Amino acid sequence: MENITTLNHILSSADKLSVVVHTHPDGDAVGSGSAMVSYLRERHHKDAVLIVPDAIPSNLLFIAEGQPVLDASEDPGKALGRIADSDLILVLDLNDLRRTEGLCEALQAAKAPKVLIDHHLKPVLEPFTLAFSQPERSSACELLYFILKELEGGDISHFPMKCMECLMTGMTTDTNNFANSVGADTLKMAGELIRAGVDRDSIIDKLYRSDRQERTLAFADMVAKHMVVLPCGVSYMIMTEEMQRAYGLEPGETEGLVNVPLNMEKVRMNIFLREENGLFRVSIRSKKGTSARNLAEYAFHGGGHECAAGGKLFWPGDIPSRDSAAAFIEEITARFLRNETTN
């Protein structure tokens, strides 16, 4: 793999390292970030910490268990100070420093070399001394696995067990448990990690069989009462802040809801809107042949992968008011699908 020698030199030269992931960290962000920290601390005895722009969702906290984590939303001064004092900054699972939101300015100003490890399209590479960008990878965790394997000369026997568990967990979440974006290397990675001793059954239990009752009931209610399926095969769900409070949901607990409607044969794309701080955060998932990425770019100021993308919907701006969201989705998806068919 290109640049491995350079990366090895950069890592060897640094003592105080910060690992940074995107805002609203998901399983792949927490998994890749925690795996990197575990590898640096346990394998190379470095002073390494994971910095998250905001809190890790409670259902994903087990991934980072035992690793030093700085939550910038809880102690911004400490997080910003750590960034400024770092010898090296490793940025994982994001293609643009703006996705770190409140940390972006500090990261841009930091004098330390910055290394990008990411699998998203259209990376903004200017801030980085070194970049590993491979959109064909299922996840940042998969990309990081093969980078670390190259650093170890192809031998993963020196990987800390925590590192391997984090890599397996993050990859599992970003592929929706091997349902999306799976390639030959994804399966090779999983097989090698299992042979090395990773307990995949335990990971699956923690990810998918340990939900709070409130989350399970919220998913059921959303699908039963608030899912709209259009004749064109697009479905959508809108969750307001009032609904989130009524369900008793914690931050991050809506992760995965966007995938549920795709279980139905007639649904080829689902759009999930979640209200947050005066806007809607948009998640889009689709089946092969319908581009979630193109819709995110076309209508929601976003982007992503072909079948998994996201963005934002603003009011006023994109729509006159919050209550206009449903009509906007129905109009914009009809126009988008006509254009897709025409093109």
C-alpha atoms as a PDB file:
ATOM      1  CA  MET A   1       0.000   0.000   0.000  1.00  0.00           C
ATOM      2  CA  GLU A   2       1.339   3.423  -0.941  1.00  0.00           C
ATOM      3  CA  ASN A   3       2.630   5.759   1.754  1.00  0.00           C
ATOM      4  CA  ILE A   4       3.044   3.073   4.427  1.00  0.00           C
ATOM      5  CA  THR A   5       6.737   3.864   4.813  1.00  0.00           C
ATOM      6  CA  THR A   6       5.918   7.559   5.239  1.00  0.00           C
ATOM      7  CA  LEU A   7       3.195   6.787   7.761  1.00  0.00           C
ATOM      8  CA  ASN A   8       5.531   4.553   9.737  1.00  0.00           C
ATOM      9  CA  HIS A   9       8.093   7.348   9.899  1.00  0.00           C
ATOM     10  CA  ILE A  10       5.477   9.925  10.967  1.00  0.00           C
ATOM     11  CA  LEU A  11       4.116   7.649  13.698  1.00  0.00           C
ATOM     12  CA  SER A  12       7.589   6.819  14.972  1.00  0.00           C
ATOM     13  CA  SER A  13       8.503  10.504  15.210  1.00  0.00           C
ATOM     14  CA  ALA A  14       5.481  11.528  17.288  1.00  0.00           C
ATOM     15  CA  ASP A  15       4.900  11.057  20.999  1.00  0.00           C
ATOM     16  CA  LYS A  16       1.663  12.950  21.668  1.00  0.00           C
ATOM     17  CA  LEU A  17      -1.028  11.932  19.205  1.00  0.00           C
ATOM     18  CA  SER A  18      -4.676  12.905  18.861  1.00  0.00           C
ATOM     19  CA  VAL A  19      -7.206  10.837  16.918  1.00  0.00           C
ATOM     20  CA  VAL A  20     -10.217  12.845  15.712  1.00  0.00           C
ATOM     21  CA  VAL A  21     -13.491  11.658  14.155  1.00  0.00           C
ATOM     22  CA  HIS A  22     -16.616  13.366  12.834  1.00  0.00           C
ATOM     23  CA  THR A  23     -19.446  14.965  14.748  1.00  0.00           C
ATOM     24  CA  HIS A  24     -22.323  12.682  15.803  1.00  0.00           C
ATOM     25  CA  PRO A  25     -19.904   9.727  15.877  1.00  0.00           C
ATOM     26  CA  ASP A  26     -21.327   6.463  14.586  1.00  0.00           C
ATOM     27  CA  GLY A  27     -20.011   2.939  15.015  1.00  0.00           C
ATOM     28  CA  ASP A  28     -17.408   3.258  12.277  1.00  0.00           C
ATOM     29  CA  ALA A  29     -16.068   6.531  13.680  1.00  0.00           C
ATOM     30  CA  VAL A  30     -15.911   5.237  17.258  1.00  0.00           C
ATOM     31  CA  GLY A  31     -14.585   1.864  16.087  1.00  0.00           C
ATOM     32  CA  SER A  32     -11.811   3.208  13.877  1.00  0.00           C
ATOM     33  CA  GLY A  33     -10.866   5.938  16.351  1.00  0.00           C
ATOM     34  CA  SER A  34     -10.742   3.558  19.315  1.00  0.00           C
ATOM     35  CA  ALA A  35      -8.840   0.942  17.291  1.00  0.00           C
ATOM     36  CA  MET A  36      -6.213   3.522  16.313  1.00  0.00           C
ATOM     37  CA  VAL A  37      -5.807   4.665  19.922  1.00  0.00           C
ATOM     38  CA  SER A  38      -5.544   1.088  21.178  1.00  0.00           C
ATOM     39  CA  TYR A  39      -2.917   0.241  18.558  1.00  0.00           C
ATOM     40  CA  LEU A  40      -0.833   3.331  19.319  1.00  0.00           C
ATOM     41  CA  ARG A  41      -0.989   2.949  23.092  1.00  0.00           C
ATOM     42  CA  GLU A  42      -0.658  -0.812  23.489  1.00  0.00           C
ATOM     43  CA  ARG A  43       1.561  -1.666  20.540  1.00  0.00           C
ATOM     44  CA  HIS A  44       3.767   1.443  20.446  1.00  0.00           C
ATOM     45  CA  HIS A  45       3.302   2.911  23.950  1.00  0.00           C
ATOM     46  CA  LYS A  46       2.328   6.328  22.604  1.00  0.00           C
ATOM     47  CA  ASP A  47       0.382   9.040  24.406  1.00  0.00           C
ATOM     48  CA  ALA A  48      -2.741   8.799  22.226  1.00  0.00           C
ATOM     49  CA  VAL A  49      -6.303   9.940  22.876  1.00  0.00           C
ATOM     50  CA  LEU A  50      -9.563   9.886  20.931  1.00  0.00           C
ATOM     51  CA  ILE A  51     -11.251  13.274  20.520  1.00  0.00           C
ATOM     52  CA  VAL A  52     -14.949  13.340  19.594  1.00  0.00           C
ATOM     53  CA  PRO A  53     -16.743  16.598  18.727  1.00  0.00           C
ATOM     54  CA  ASP A  54     -19.768  15.485  20.734  1.00  0.00           C
ATOM     55  CA  ALA A  55     -20.827  12.597  22.929  1.00  0.00           C
ATOM     56  CA  ILE A  56     -20.574   8.975  21.849  1.00  0.00           C
ATOM     57  CA  PRO A  57     -24.093   7.470  21.878  1.00  0.00           C
ATOM     58  CA  SER A  58     -24.712   5.311  24.926  1.00  0.00           C
ATOM     59  CA  ASN A  59     -25.303   2.180  22.824  1.00  0.00           C
ATOM     60  CA  LEU A  60     -21.799   2.562  21.322  1.00  0.00           C
ATOM     61  CA  LEU A  61     -19.882   3.404  24.494  1.00  0.00           C
ATOM     62  CA  PHE A  62     -18.736  -0.203  24.854  1.00  0.00           C
ATOM     63  CA  ILE A  63     -16.593   0.210  21.728  1.00  0.00           C
ATOM     64  CA  ALA A  64     -14.394   2.880  23.328  1.00  0.00           C
ATOM     65  CA  GLU A  65     -14.370   1.248  26.769  1.00  0.00           C
ATOM     66  CA  GLY A  66     -10.899   1.395  28.309  1.00  0.00           C
ATOM     67  CA  GLN A  67      -9.620   4.027  25.880  1.00  0.00           C
ATOM     68  CA  PRO A  68      -8.968   7.691  26.777  1.00  0.00           C
ATOM     69  CA  VAL A  69     -11.678   9.834  25.169  1.00  0.00           C
ATOM     70  CA  LEU A  70     -12.079  13.619  25.170  1.00  0.00           C
ATOM     71  CA  ASP A  71     -15.623  14.827  24.467  1.00  0.00           C
ATOM     72  CA  ALA A  72     -15.289  18.368  23.081  1.00  0.00           C
ATOM     73  CA  SER A  73     -18.920  19.164  23.863  1.00  0.00           C
ATOM     74  CA  GLU A  74     -18.271  18.382  27.530  1.00  0.00           C
ATOM     75  CA  ASP A  75     -14.858  20.055  27.908  1.00  0.00           C
ATOM     76  CA  PRO A  76     -14.036  22.131  24.821  1.00  0.00           C
ATOM     77  CA  GLY A  77     -11.015  23.787  26.401  1.00  0.00           C
ATOM     78  CA  LYS A  78      -9.329  20.494  27.135  1.00  0.00           C
ATOM     79  CA  ALA A  79     -10.066  19.109  23.666  1.00  0.00           C
ATOM     80  CA  LEU A  80      -8.828  22.233  21.881  1.00  0.00           C
ATOM     81  CA  GLY A  81      -5.731  22.366  24.084  1.00  0.00           C
ATOM     82  CA  ARG A  82      -4.929  18.761  23.281  1.00  0.00           C
ATOM     83  CA  ILE A  83      -5.198  19.438  19.555  1.00  0.00           C
ATOM     84  CA  ALA A  84      -2.872  22.431  19.821  1.00  0.00           C
ATOM     85  CA  ASP A  85      -0.287  20.452  21.833  1.00  0.00           C
ATOM     86  CA  SER A  86      -0.282  17.328  19.649  1.00  0.00           C
ATOM     87  CA  ASP A  87       2.754  16.125  17.709  1.00  0.00           C
ATOM     88  CA  LEU A  88       0.505  14.332  15.221  1.00  0.00           C
ATOM     89  CA  ILE A  89      -3.224  14.414  14.424  1.00  0.00           C
ATOM     90  CA  LEU A  90      -4.908  11.410  12.835  1.00  0.00           C
ATOM     91  CA  VAL A  91      -8.306  12.171  11.271  1.00  0.00           C
ATOM     92  CA  LEU A  92     -10.543   9.169  10.642  1.00  0.00           C
ATOM     93  CA  ASP A  93     -13.877   8.517   8.924  1.00  0.00           C
ATOM     94  CA  LEU A  94     -14.465  11.967   7.438  1.00  0.00           C
ATOM     95  CA  ASN A  95     -13.650  13.566   4.111  1.00  0.00           C
ATOM     96  CA  ASP A  96     -13.648  17.219   5.185  1.00  0.00           C
ATOM     97  CA  LEU A  97     -12.497  18.853   8.435  1.00  0.00           C
ATOM     98  CA  ARG A  98     -15.771  20.783   8.461  1.00  0.00           C
ATOM     99  CA  ARG A  99     -17.421  17.546   9.574  1.00  0.00           C
ATOM    100  CA  THR A 100     -15.761  18.041  12.952  1.00  0.00           C
ATOM    101  CA  GLU A 101     -17.809  21.263  13.313  1.00  0.00           C
ATOM    102  CA  GLY A 102     -16.589  22.988  16.501  1.00  0.00           C
ATOM    103  CA  LEU A 103     -13.118  21.431  16.204  1.00  0.00           C
ATOM    104  CA  CYS A 104     -12.566  22.457  12.594  1.00  0.00           C
ATOM    105  CA  GLU A 105     -10.879  25.801  13.204  1.00  0.00           C
ATOM    106  CA  ALA A 106      -8.487  24.349  15.786  1.00  0.00           C
ATOM    107  CA  LEU A 107      -7.588  21.457  13.510  1.00  0.00           C
ATOM    108  CA  GLN A 108      -6.879  23.784  10.601  1.00  0.00           C
ATOM    109  CA  ALA A 109      -4.692  25.972  12.821  1.00  0.00           C
ATOM    110  CA  ALA A 110      -2.785  23.095  14.413  1.00  0.00           C
ATOM    111  CA  LYS A 111       0.889  23.000  13.474  1.00  0.00           C
ATOM    112  CA  ALA A 112       1.212  19.217  13.856  1.00  0.00           C
ATOM    113  CA  PRO A 113       1.179  17.030  10.729  1.00  0.00           C
ATOM    114  CA  LYS A 114      -2.271  15.668   9.945  1.00  0.00           C
ATOM    115  CA  VAL A 115      -3.005  12.234   8.460  1.00  0.00           C
ATOM    116  CA  LEU A 116      -6.352  11.346   6.887  1.00  0.00           C
ATOM    117  CA  ILE A 117      -7.741   7.791   6.845  1.00  0.00           C
ATOM    118  CA  ASP A 118     -11.161   7.752   5.199  1.00  0.00           C
ATOM    119  CA  HIS A 119     -13.491   5.956   2.798  1.00  0.00           C
ATOM    120  CA  HIS A 120     -15.839   8.758   1.705  1.00  0.00           C
ATOM    121  CA  LEU A 121     -15.997  10.332  -1.734  1.00  0.00           C
ATOM    122  CA  LYS A 122     -14.632  13.772  -2.611  1.00  0.00           C
ATOM    123  CA  PRO A 123     -12.062  14.215   0.177  1.00  0.00           C
ATOM    124  CA  VAL A 124     -10.694  17.689   0.840  1.00  0.00           C
ATOM    125  CA  LEU A 125      -6.989  16.864   1.017  1.00  0.00           C
ATOM    126  CA  GLU A 126      -5.331  20.282   1.368  1.00  0.00           C
ATOM    127  CA  PRO A 127      -5.003  20.226   5.194  1.00  0.00           C
ATOM    128  CA  PHE A 128      -3.286  16.843   5.280  1.00  0.00           C
ATOM    129  CA  THR A 129       0.375  15.897   5.192  1.00  0.00           C
ATOM    130  CA  LEU A 130      -0.576  12.348   4.228  1.00  0.00           C
ATOM    131  CA  ALA A 131      -3.898  10.886   3.099  1.00  0.00           C
ATOM    132  CA  PHE A 132      -5.277   7.376   2.720  1.00  0.00           C
ATOM    133  CA  SER A 133      -8.560   7.799   0.841  1.00  0.00           C
ATOM    134  CA  GLN A 134     -10.222   4.673  -0.555  1.00  0.00           C
ATOM    135  CA  PRO A 135     -13.972   5.082  -1.231  1.00  0.00           C
ATOM    136  CA  GLU A 136     -14.213   1.480  -2.397  1.00  0.00           C
ATOM    137  CA  ARG A 137     -13.722   0.304   1.185  1.00  0.00           C
ATOM    138  CA  SER A 138     -16.774  -0.692   3.211  1.00  0.00           C
ATOM    139  CA  SER A 139     -15.736   1.423   6.164  1.00  0.00           C
ATOM    140  CA  ALA A 140     -12.949   3.419   7.755  1.00  0.00           C
ATOM    141  CA  CYS A 141     -12.375   0.376   9.949  1.00  0.00           C
ATOM    142  CA  GLU A 142     -11.707  -1.832   6.934  1.00  0.00           C
ATOM    143  CA  LEU A 143      -9.266   0.674   5.488  1.00  0.00           C
ATOM    144  CA  LEU A 144      -7.520   1.106   8.838  1.00  0.00           C
ATOM    145  CA  TYR A 145      -7.259  -2.673   9.264  1.00  0.00           C
ATOM    146  CA  PHE A 146      -5.291  -3.073   6.044  1.00  0.00           C
ATOM    147  CA  ILE A 147      -3.131  -0.032   6.804  1.00  0.00           C
ATOM    148  CA  LEU A 148      -2.180  -1.404  10.225  1.00  0.00           C
ATOM    149  CA  LYS A 149      -1.633  -4.841   8.725  1.00  0.00           C
ATOM    150  CA  GLU A 150       0.827  -3.326   6.236  1.00  0.00           C
ATOM    151  CA  LEU A 151       2.589  -1.510   9.076  1.00  0.00           C
ATOM    152  CA  GLU A 152       3.028  -4.914  10.733  1.00  0.00           C
ATOM    153  CA  GLY A 153       4.429  -6.510   7.590  1.00  0.00           C
ATOM    154  CA  GLY A 154       1.243  -8.486   6.978  1.00  0.00           C
ATOM    155  CA  ASP A 155       1.201 -10.086  10.437  1.00  0.00           C
ATOM    156  CA  ILE A 156      -1.736  -9.125  12.680  1.00  0.00           C
ATOM    157  CA  SER A 157      -0.570 -11.238  15.621  1.00  0.00           C
ATOM    158  CA  HIS A 158       0.779  -8.086  17.289  1.00  0.00           C
ATOM    159  CA  PHE A 159      -2.542  -6.248  17.082  1.00  0.00           C
ATOM    160  CA  PRO A 160      -3.981  -5.609  20.568  1.00  0.00           C
ATOM    161  CA  MET A 161      -7.196  -7.554  21.063  1.00  0.00           C
ATOM    162  CA  LYS A 162      -9.076  -4.325  21.832  1.00  0.00           C
ATOM    163  CA  CYS A 163      -7.911  -2.883  18.522  1.00  0.00           C
ATOM    164  CA  MET A 164      -9.180  -5.930  16.626  1.00  0.00           C
ATOM    165  CA  GLU A 165     -12.536  -5.888  18.433  1.00  0.00           C
ATOM    166  CA  CYS A 166     -13.030  -2.206  17.600  1.00  0.00           C
ATOM    167  CA  LEU A 167     -12.193  -2.791  13.936  1.00  0.00           C
ATOM    168  CA  MET A 168     -14.674  -5.666  13.668  1.00  0.00           C
ATOM    169  CA  THR A 169     -17.384  -3.685  15.455  1.00  0.00           C
ATOM    170  CA  GLY A 170     -17.059  -0.535  13.370  1.00  0.00           C
ATOM    171  CA  MET A 171     -16.990  -2.452  10.103  1.00  0.00           C
ATOM    172  CA  THR A 172     -20.061  -4.416  11.172  1.00  0.00           C
ATOM    173  CA  THR A 173     -22.053  -1.252  11.865  1.00  0.00           C
ATOM    174  CA  ASP A 174     -21.067   0.512   8.635  1.00  0.00           C
ATOM    175  CA  THR A 175     -22.016  -2.490   6.512  1.00  0.00           C
ATOM    176  CA  ASN A 176     -25.291  -2.889   8.445  1.00  0.00           C
ATOM    177  CA  ASN A 177     -24.077  -6.327   9.547  1.00  0.00           C
ATOM    178  CA  PHE A 178     -22.735  -7.249   6.084  1.00  0.00           C
ATOM    179  CA  ALA A 179     -25.825  -6.027   4.208  1.00  0.00           C
ATOM    180  CA  ASN A 180     -24.203  -3.030   2.453  1.00  0.00           C
ATOM    181  CA  SER A 181     -20.938  -2.186   0.681  1.00  0.00           C
ATOM    182  CA  VAL A 182     -19.353  -5.593   1.285  1.00  0.00           C
ATOM    183  CA  GLY A 183     -16.381  -6.578  -0.855  1.00  0.00           C
ATOM    184  CA  ALA A 184     -13.961  -9.474  -0.865  1.00  0.00           C
ATOM    185  CA  ASP A 185     -11.590  -7.630   1.470  1.00  0.00           C
ATOM    186  CA  THR A 186     -14.431  -7.015   3.940  1.00  0.00           C
ATOM    187  CA  LEU A 187     -14.963 -10.749   4.292  1.00  0.00           C
ATOM    188  CA  LYS A 188     -11.215 -11.390   4.341  1.00  0.00           C
ATOM    189  CA  MET A 189     -10.820  -8.913   7.188  1.00  0.00           C
ATOM    190  CA  ALA A 190     -13.657 -10.517   9.153  1.00  0.00           C
ATOM    191  CA  GLY A 191     -12.245 -13.998   8.675  1.00  0.00           C
ATOM    192  CA  GLU A 192      -8.754 -12.982   9.756  1.00  0.00           C
ATOM    193  CA  LEU A 193     -10.036 -11.192  12.846  1.00  0.00           C
ATOM    194  CA  ILE A 194     -12.176 -14.164  13.877  1.00  0.00           C
ATOM    195  CA  ARG A 195      -9.212 -16.511  13.425  1.00  0.00           C
ATOM    196  CA  ALA A 196      -7.185 -14.117  15.605  1.00  0.00           C
ATOM    197  CA  GLY A 197      -9.678 -14.559  18.431  1.00  0.00           C
ATOM    198  CA  VAL A 198     -12.288 -11.805  18.025  1.00  0.00           C
ATOM    199  CA  ASP A 199     -15.620 -12.932  19.476  1.00  0.00           C
ATOM    200  CA  ARG A 200     -18.059 -11.782  16.801  1.00  0.00           C
ATOM    201  CA  ASP A 201     -21.064 -13.259  18.623  1.00  0.00           C
ATOM    202  CA  SER A 202     -20.349 -11.029  21.619  1.00  0.00           C
ATOM    203  CA  ILE A 203     -20.103  -7.990  19.342  1.00  0.00           C
ATOM    204  CA  ILE A 204     -23.422  -8.819  17.690  1.00  0.00           C
ATOM    205  CA  ASP A 205     -25.066  -9.170  21.106  1.00  0.00           C
ATOM    206  CA  LYS A 206     -23.822  -5.732  22.152  1.00  0.00           C
ATOM    207  CA  LEU A 207     -24.750  -4.068  18.869  1.00  0.00           C
ATOM    208  CA  TYR A 208     -28.100  -5.610  18.065  1.00  0.00           C
ATOM    209  CA  ARG A 209     -29.406  -7.479  21.101  1.00  0.00           C
ATOM    210  CA  SER A 210     -28.892  -5.003  23.916  1.00  0.00           C
ATOM    211  CA  ASP A 211     -31.318  -2.221  23.048  1.00  0.00           C
ATOM    212  CA  ARG A 212     -33.184  -0.297  25.678  1.00  0.00           C
ATOM    213  CA  GLN A 213     -36.915  -0.963  25.532  1.00  0.00           C
ATOM    214  CA  GLU A 214     -37.554   2.671  24.628  1.00  0.00           C
ATOM    215  CA  ARG A 215     -35.508   2.373  21.437  1.00  0.00           C
ATOM    216  CA  THR A 216     -37.216  -0.809  20.275  1.00  0.00           C
ATOM    217  CA  LEU A 217     -40.666   0.650  20.905  1.00  0.00           C
ATOM    218  CA  ALA A 218     -39.723   3.894  19.158  1.00  0.00           C
ATOM    219  CA  PHE A 219     -38.642   2.013  16.026  1.00  0.00           C
ATOM    220  CA  ALA A 220     -41.862  -0.007  16.039  1.00  0.00           C
ATOM    221  CA  ASP A 221     -44.022   3.094  16.466  1.00  0.00           C
ATOM    222  CA  MET A 222     -42.199   5.035  13.748  1.00  0.00           C
ATOM    223  CA  VAL A 223     -42.636   2.247  11.216  1.00  0.00           C
ATOM    224  CA  ALA A 224     -46.257   1.543  12.179  1.00  0.00           C
ATOM    225  CA  LYS A 225     -47.511   5.133  12.428  1.00  0.00           C
ATOM    226  CA  HIS A 226     -45.105   7.515  10.760  1.00  0.00           C
ATOM    227  CA  MET A 227     -43.668   5.717   7.739  1.00  0.00           C
ATOM    228  CA  VAL A 228     -45.031   6.871   4.392  1.00  0.00           C
ATOM    229  CA  VAL A 229     -44.512   4.643   1.351  1.00  0.00           C
ATOM    230  CA  LEU A 230     -44.984   6.412  -1.970  1.00  0.00           C
ATOM    231  CA  PRO A 231     -46.121   4.631  -5.146  1.00  0.00           C
ATOM    232  CA  CYS A 232     -42.686   5.272  -6.698  1.00  0.00           C
ATOM    233  CA  GLY A 233     -41.038   2.987  -4.123  1.00  0.00           C
ATOM    234  CA  VAL A 234     -39.617   5.735  -1.908  1.00  0.00           C
ATOM    235  CA  SER A 235     -40.494   5.750   1.776  1.00  0.00           C
ATOM    236  CA  TYR A 236     -39.841   8.412   4.383  1.00  0.00           C
ATOM    237  CA  MET A 237     -40.118   9.044   8.104  1.00  0.00           C
ATOM    238  CA  ILE A 238     -39.896  12.340   9.981  1.00  0.00           C
ATOM    239  CA  MET A 239     -39.026  12.469  13.684  1.00  0.00           C
ATOM    240  CA  THR A 240     -39.422  15.800  15.440  1.00  0.00           C
ATOM    241  CA  GLU A 241     -37.695  16.807  18.658  1.00  0.00           C
ATOM    242  CA  GLU A 242     -41.015  16.429  20.489  1.00  0.00           C
ATOM    243  CA  MET A 243     -41.271  12.839  19.264  1.00  0.00           C
ATOM    244  CA  GLN A 244     -37.728  12.071  20.391  1.00  0.00           C
ATOM    245  CA  ARG A 245     -38.530  13.340  23.872  1.00  0.00           C
ATOM    246  CA  ALA A 246     -41.812  11.445  23.964  1.00  0.00           C
ATOM    247  CA  TYR A 247     -40.053   8.223  22.970  1.00  0.00           C
ATOM    248  CA  GLY A 248     -37.393   8.827  25.626  1.00  0.00           C
ATOM    249  CA  LEU A 249     -34.594   8.416  23.087  1.00  0.00           C
ATOM    250  CA  GLU A 250     -31.002   9.213  23.942  1.00  0.00           C
ATOM    251  CA  PRO A 251     -28.583  10.828  21.452  1.00  0.00           C
ATOM    252  CA  GLY A 252     -27.578   8.401  18.733  1.00  0.00           C
ATOM    253  CA  GLU A 253     -30.393   5.928  19.368  1.00  0.00           C
ATOM    254  CA  THR A 254     -32.088   6.597  16.025  1.00  0.00           C
ATOM    255  CA  GLU A 255     -29.061   5.080  14.252  1.00  0.00           C
ATOM    256  CA  GLY A 256     -30.259   2.141  12.152  1.00  0.00           C
ATOM    257  CA  LEU A 257     -33.906   3.194  11.834  1.00  0.00           C
ATOM    258  CA  VAL A 258     -33.279   4.403   8.291  1.00  0.00           C
ATOM    259  CA  ASN A 259     -32.497   0.829   7.192  1.00  0.00           C
ATOM    260  CA  VAL A 260     -35.718  -0.783   8.418  1.00  0.00           C
ATOM    261  CA  PRO A 261     -38.086   0.098   5.522  1.00  0.00           C
ATOM    262  CA  LEU A 262     -35.665  -1.432   3.014  1.00  0.00           C
ATOM    263  CA  ASN A 263     -36.724  -4.827   4.347  1.00  0.00           C
ATOM    264  CA  MET A 264     -39.883  -4.371   2.278  1.00  0.00           C
ATOM    265  CA  GLU A 265     -39.660  -5.536  -1.318  1.00  0.00           C
ATOM    266  CA  LYS A 266     -41.452  -2.513  -2.763  1.00  0.00           C
ATOM    267  CA  VAL A 267     -39.229   0.065  -1.050  1.00  0.00           C
ATOM    268  CA  ARG A 268     -36.124   0.965  -3.053  1.00  0.00           C
ATOM    269  CA  MET A 269     -35.121   4.053  -1.055  1.00  0.00           C
ATOM    270  CA  ASN A 270     -35.863   5.358   2.435  1.00  0.00           C
ATOM    271  CA  ILE A 271     -35.367   8.905   3.713  1.00  0.00           C
ATOM    272  CA  PHE A 272     -35.254   9.584   7.447  1.00  0.00           C
ATOM    273  CA  LEU A 273     -35.430  13.115   8.819  1.00  0.00           C
ATOM    274  CA  ARG A 274     -34.536  13.798  12.454  1.00  0.00           C
ATOM    275  CA  GLU A 275     -35.020  17.265  13.865  1.00  0.00           C
ATOM    276  CA  GLU A 276     -32.071  18.760  15.710  1.00  0.00           C
ATOM    277  CA  ASN A 277     -31.445  22.358  16.739  1.00  0.00           C
ATOM    278  CA  GLY A 278     -33.697  23.979  14.177  1.00  0.00           C
ATOM    279  CA  LEU A 279     -32.934  21.805  11.173  1.00  0.00           C
ATOM    280  CA  PHE A 280     -33.452  18.272   9.945  1.00  0.00           C
ATOM    281  CA  ARG A 281     -30.538  15.860   9.735  1.00  0.00           C
ATOM    282  CA  VAL A 282     -31.197  13.609   6.760  1.00  0.00           C
ATOM    283  CA  SER A 283     -30.226   9.952   6.362  1.00  0.00           C
ATOM    284  CA  ILE A 284     -30.859   8.121   3.082  1.00  0.00           C
ATOM    285  CA  ARG A 285     -30.498   4.435   2.312  1.00  0.00           C
ATOM    286  CA  SER A 286     -31.260   2.743  -0.986  1.00  0.00           C
ATOM    287  CA  LYS A 287     -31.095  -0.532  -2.818  1.00  0.00           C
ATOM    288  CA  LYS A 288     -28.720  -1.052  -5.703  1.00  0.00           C
ATOM    289  CA  GLY A 289     -29.928   0.799  -8.776  1.00  0.00           C
ATOM    290  CA  THR A 290     -31.220   3.857  -6.898  1.00  0.00           C
ATOM    291  CA  SER A 291     -28.614   6.368  -5.771  1.00  0.00           C
ATOM    292  CA  ALA A 292     -28.868   7.640  -2.212  1.00  0.00           C
ATOM    293  CA  ARG A 293     -25.732   9.690  -2.847  1.00  0.00           C
ATOM    294  CA  ASN A 294     -27.177  11.499  -5.864  1.00  0.00           C
ATOM    295  CA  LEU A 295     -30.346  12.411  -3.972  1.00  0.00           C
ATOM    296  CA  ALA A 296     -28.337  13.691  -1.004  1.00  0.00           C
ATOM    297  CA  GLU A 297     -26.291  15.913  -3.326  1.00  0.00           C
ATOM    298  CA  TYR A 298     -29.348  17.011  -5.329  1.00  0.00           C
ATOM    299  CA  ALA A 299     -31.684  17.948  -2.498  1.00  0.00           C
ATOM    300  CA  PHE A 300     -30.042  17.873   0.943  1.00  0.00           C
ATOM    301  CA  HIS A 301     -26.639  19.633   0.780  1.00  0.00           C
ATOM    302  CA  GLY A 302     -24.989  16.273   1.370  1.00  0.00           C
ATOM    303  CA  GLY A 303     -23.353  13.256  -0.139  1.00  0.00           C
ATOM    304  CA  GLY A 304     -21.980   9.882   0.794  1.00  0.00           C
ATOM    305  CA  HIS A 305     -21.913   6.434  -0.742  1.00  0.00           C
ATOM    306  CA  GLU A 306     -24.064   5.104  -3.543  1.00  0.00           C
ATOM    307  CA  CYS A 307     -26.539   3.366  -1.232  1.00  0.00           C
ATOM    308  CA  ALA A 308     -25.882   5.197   2.052  1.00  0.00           C
ATOM    309  CA  ALA A 309     -25.795   8.978   2.244  1.00  0.00           C
ATOM    310  CA  GLY A 310     -26.855  11.932   4.316  1.00  0.00           C
ATOM    311  CA  GLY A 311     -27.319  15.665   4.470  1.00  0.00           C
ATOM    312  CA  LYS A 312     -29.366  18.461   6.013  1.00  0.00           C
ATOM    313  CA  LEU A 313     -32.685  20.203   5.369  1.00  0.00           C
ATOM    314  CA  PHE A 314     -33.001  23.812   6.536  1.00  0.00           C
ATOM    315  CA  TRP A 315     -35.976  25.984   7.361  1.00  0.00           C
ATOM    316  CA  PRO A 316     -36.464  28.691   6.471  1.00  0.00           C
ATOM    317  CA  GLY A 317     -34.334  28.223   3.419  1.00  0.00           C
ATOM    318  CA  ASP A 318     -35.004  24.898   1.774  1.00  0.00           C
ATOM    319  CA  ILE A 319     -38.554  24.801   3.102  1.00  0.00           C
ATOM    320  CA  PRO A 320     -40.760  27.532   4.611  1.00  0.00           C
ATOM    321  CA  SER A 321     -41.370  25.691   7.886  1.00  0.00           C
ATOM    322  CA  ARG A 322     -40.848  22.413   9.684  1.00  0.00           C
ATOM    323  CA  ASP A 323     -44.328  21.262   8.675  1.00  0.00           C
ATOM    324  CA  SER A 324     -43.410  21.572   4.985  1.00  0.00           C
ATOM    325  CA  ALA A 325     -40.881  18.733   5.136  1.00  0.00           C
ATOM    326  CA  ALA A 326     -43.211  15.950   3.997  1.00  0.00           C
ATOM    327  CA  ALA A 327     -44.449  17.863   0.968  1.00  0.00           C
ATOM    328  CA  PHE A 328     -40.860  18.780   0.075  1.00  0.00           C
ATOM    329  CA  ILE A 329     -39.744  15.140   0.201  1.00  0.00           C
ATOM    330  CA  GLU A 330     -42.600  13.993  -2.000  1.00  0.00           C
ATOM    331  CA  GLU A 331     -42.018  16.737  -4.557  1.00  0.00           C
ATOM    332  CA  ILE A 332     -38.240  16.478  -4.647  1.00  0.00           C
ATOM    333  CA  THR A 333     -38.090  12.681  -4.860  1.00  0.00           C
ATOM    334  CA  ALA A 334     -40.596  12.644  -7.741  1.00  0.00           C
ATOM    335  CA  ARG A 335     -38.496  15.221  -9.602  1.00  0.00           C
ATOM    336  CA  PHE A 336     -35.268  13.388  -8.761  1.00  0.00           C
ATOM    337  CA  LEU A 337     -36.538  10.026  -9.978  1.00  0.00           C
ATOM    338  CA  ARG A 338     -37.798  11.589 -13.227  1.00  0.00           C
ATOM    339  CA  ASN A 339     -34.357  13.098 -13.799  1.00  0.00           C
ATOM    340  CA  GLU A 340     -32.605   9.818 -12.933  1.00  0.00           C
ATOM    341  CA  THR A 341     -34.806   7.960 -15.435  1.00  0.00           C
ATOM    342  CA  THR A 342     -34.265  10.608 -18.113  1.00  0.00           C
ATOM    343  CA  ASN A 343     -30.517  10.561 -17.639  1.00  0.00           C
END
